[in-house]
Protein backbone atom coordinates (compact mmCIF):
# COMPACT_ATOMS: atom_id res chain seq x y z
CA MET A 1 0.00 0.00 0.00
CA ILE A 2 1.16 3.55 -0.78
CA HIS A 3 0.57 6.43 1.67
CA LEU A 4 0.61 9.92 0.14
CA ILE A 5 2.41 12.34 2.46
CA GLY A 6 2.53 15.50 0.36
CA LYS A 7 1.95 16.76 -3.17
CA THR A 8 2.65 19.83 -5.32
CA ALA A 9 2.20 20.49 -9.04
CA ASN A 10 5.59 18.92 -9.81
CA GLY A 11 6.16 16.48 -6.98
CA LYS A 12 4.90 14.15 -4.33
CA ILE A 13 6.09 12.34 -1.23
CA PHE A 14 4.80 8.89 -0.48
CA LYS A 15 5.65 5.95 1.71
CA CYS A 16 5.58 2.39 0.45
CA ASP A 17 4.57 -0.38 2.84
CA LYS A 18 6.30 -2.97 0.65
CA CYS A 19 9.82 -1.51 0.89
CA SER A 20 9.30 0.86 3.88
CA ALA A 21 11.01 3.67 1.97
CA ILE A 22 9.88 7.25 1.74
CA HIS A 23 9.93 8.33 -1.90
CA VAL A 24 10.28 11.96 -2.90
CA GLU A 25 9.52 12.63 -6.55
CA PHE A 26 10.19 16.15 -7.81
CA LYS A 27 10.16 16.93 -11.52
CA ASN A 28 12.60 14.38 -12.98
CA LEU A 29 14.32 13.67 -9.65
CA GLY A 30 13.60 10.71 -7.43
CA PHE A 31 14.88 10.21 -3.88
CA ASN A 32 14.38 6.90 -2.07
CA LEU A 33 14.98 7.47 1.63
CA SER A 34 14.68 5.46 4.81
CA GLU A 35 12.66 6.86 7.70
CA LYS A 36 15.97 7.76 9.37
CA GLN A 37 17.30 9.57 6.29
CA PHE A 38 14.19 11.56 5.45
CA PRO A 39 14.36 14.17 8.27
CA SER A 40 17.97 15.05 7.43
CA PHE A 41 17.12 15.27 3.73
CA ALA A 42 14.13 17.55 4.41
CA GLU A 43 16.11 19.73 6.81
CA SER A 44 19.02 20.13 4.40
CA ILE A 45 16.68 21.29 1.61
CA LEU A 46 14.59 23.56 3.87
CA ASP A 47 17.74 25.24 5.20
CA LEU A 48 18.96 26.28 1.73
CA ASP A 49 18.82 29.99 0.95
CA GLY A 50 18.02 29.94 -2.76
CA ALA A 51 18.42 33.67 -3.33
CA GLU A 52 21.85 33.61 -1.68
CA TRP A 53 23.04 30.67 -3.79
CA GLU A 54 21.72 32.23 -6.99
CA LYS A 55 23.65 35.38 -6.09
CA ARG A 56 26.85 33.47 -5.28
CA ASN A 57 26.65 31.46 -8.50
CA LYS A 58 25.42 34.24 -10.79
CA ASP A 59 28.46 33.88 -13.03
CA SER A 60 28.08 30.12 -13.41
CA TYR A 61 27.52 28.88 -16.94
CA PHE A 62 24.67 26.66 -15.70
CA SER A 63 21.14 28.03 -16.16
CA ARG A 64 20.10 26.82 -12.73
CA LYS A 65 22.32 28.45 -10.11
CA ILE A 66 21.48 26.38 -7.01
CA LEU A 67 23.77 23.36 -6.92
CA ILE A 68 23.07 20.56 -4.43
CA PRO A 69 25.75 17.89 -4.19
CA THR A 70 24.52 14.31 -4.04
CA GLY A 71 27.59 12.70 -2.57
CA HIS A 72 28.59 11.32 -5.96
CA ASN A 73 31.33 13.33 -7.68
CA THR A 74 29.65 13.11 -11.09
CA ILE A 75 26.08 14.02 -10.11
CA ASN A 76 24.67 17.27 -8.70
CA ILE A 77 21.11 18.53 -8.44
CA LEU A 78 20.61 21.87 -10.19
CA LEU A 79 17.61 24.05 -9.32
CA ASN A 80 16.51 27.64 -9.74
CA ASN A 81 14.96 29.52 -6.82
CA GLN A 82 11.40 28.88 -7.99
CA GLU A 83 12.06 25.12 -8.16
CA LEU A 84 13.76 25.16 -4.76
CA ASN A 85 10.77 26.98 -3.25
CA GLU A 86 8.37 24.38 -4.68
CA LEU A 87 10.53 21.56 -3.32
CA LYS A 88 10.47 23.30 0.08
CA GLU A 89 6.67 23.57 -0.20
CA LEU A 90 6.53 19.83 -0.87
CA LEU A 91 8.60 19.19 2.26
CA THR A 92 6.32 21.42 4.38
CA ASP A 93 2.89 20.41 5.63
CA ARG A 94 -0.28 22.52 5.43
CA THR A 95 0.43 24.20 8.78
CA GLY A 96 3.79 25.49 7.52
CA THR A 97 5.89 23.06 9.54
CA LYS A 98 8.43 20.56 8.29
CA VAL A 99 7.07 17.22 7.14
CA VAL A 100 8.99 15.10 9.63
CA PHE A 101 8.08 11.84 11.25
CA ARG A 102 8.22 12.82 14.92
CA ASP A 103 9.23 9.37 16.16
CA ILE A 104 12.26 9.15 13.90
CA SER A 105 15.74 10.19 15.00
CA LYS A 106 17.90 12.27 12.65
CA ASP A 107 20.66 10.57 10.72
CA ASN A 108 23.27 11.76 8.25
CA PHE A 109 21.84 12.12 4.78
CA LEU A 110 22.94 9.33 2.47
CA PHE A 111 21.28 8.19 -0.72
CA PRO A 112 20.09 4.59 -0.45
CA SER A 113 20.03 2.08 -3.26
CA PHE A 114 17.01 2.14 -5.55
CA CYS A 115 14.17 0.06 -4.15
CA ASN A 116 11.62 -1.65 -6.40
């Protein structure tokens, strides 16, 4: 069974009973996170200052100026401020608070293997 946690025009967060992972889909990005990894992931995204990073990287050749490293040297996530704000909206519940599972302790953010 799939449990929808949050949804925006370009993304959704859902939990799968079969694999126990929390899946974050945003545009063409997919993150498969454990319950321990999700709070750190959400916090790291919510703490980004998009305007500041666009300013710092204004001279970058990339169209999207907000670069988020993935932990793999050859892959980075590139967003513009509007996309970052929508991703933050996805990671925030209707009351304006972080979508975090209260009974889960924080862990360092690591990308897990893909789960089918």
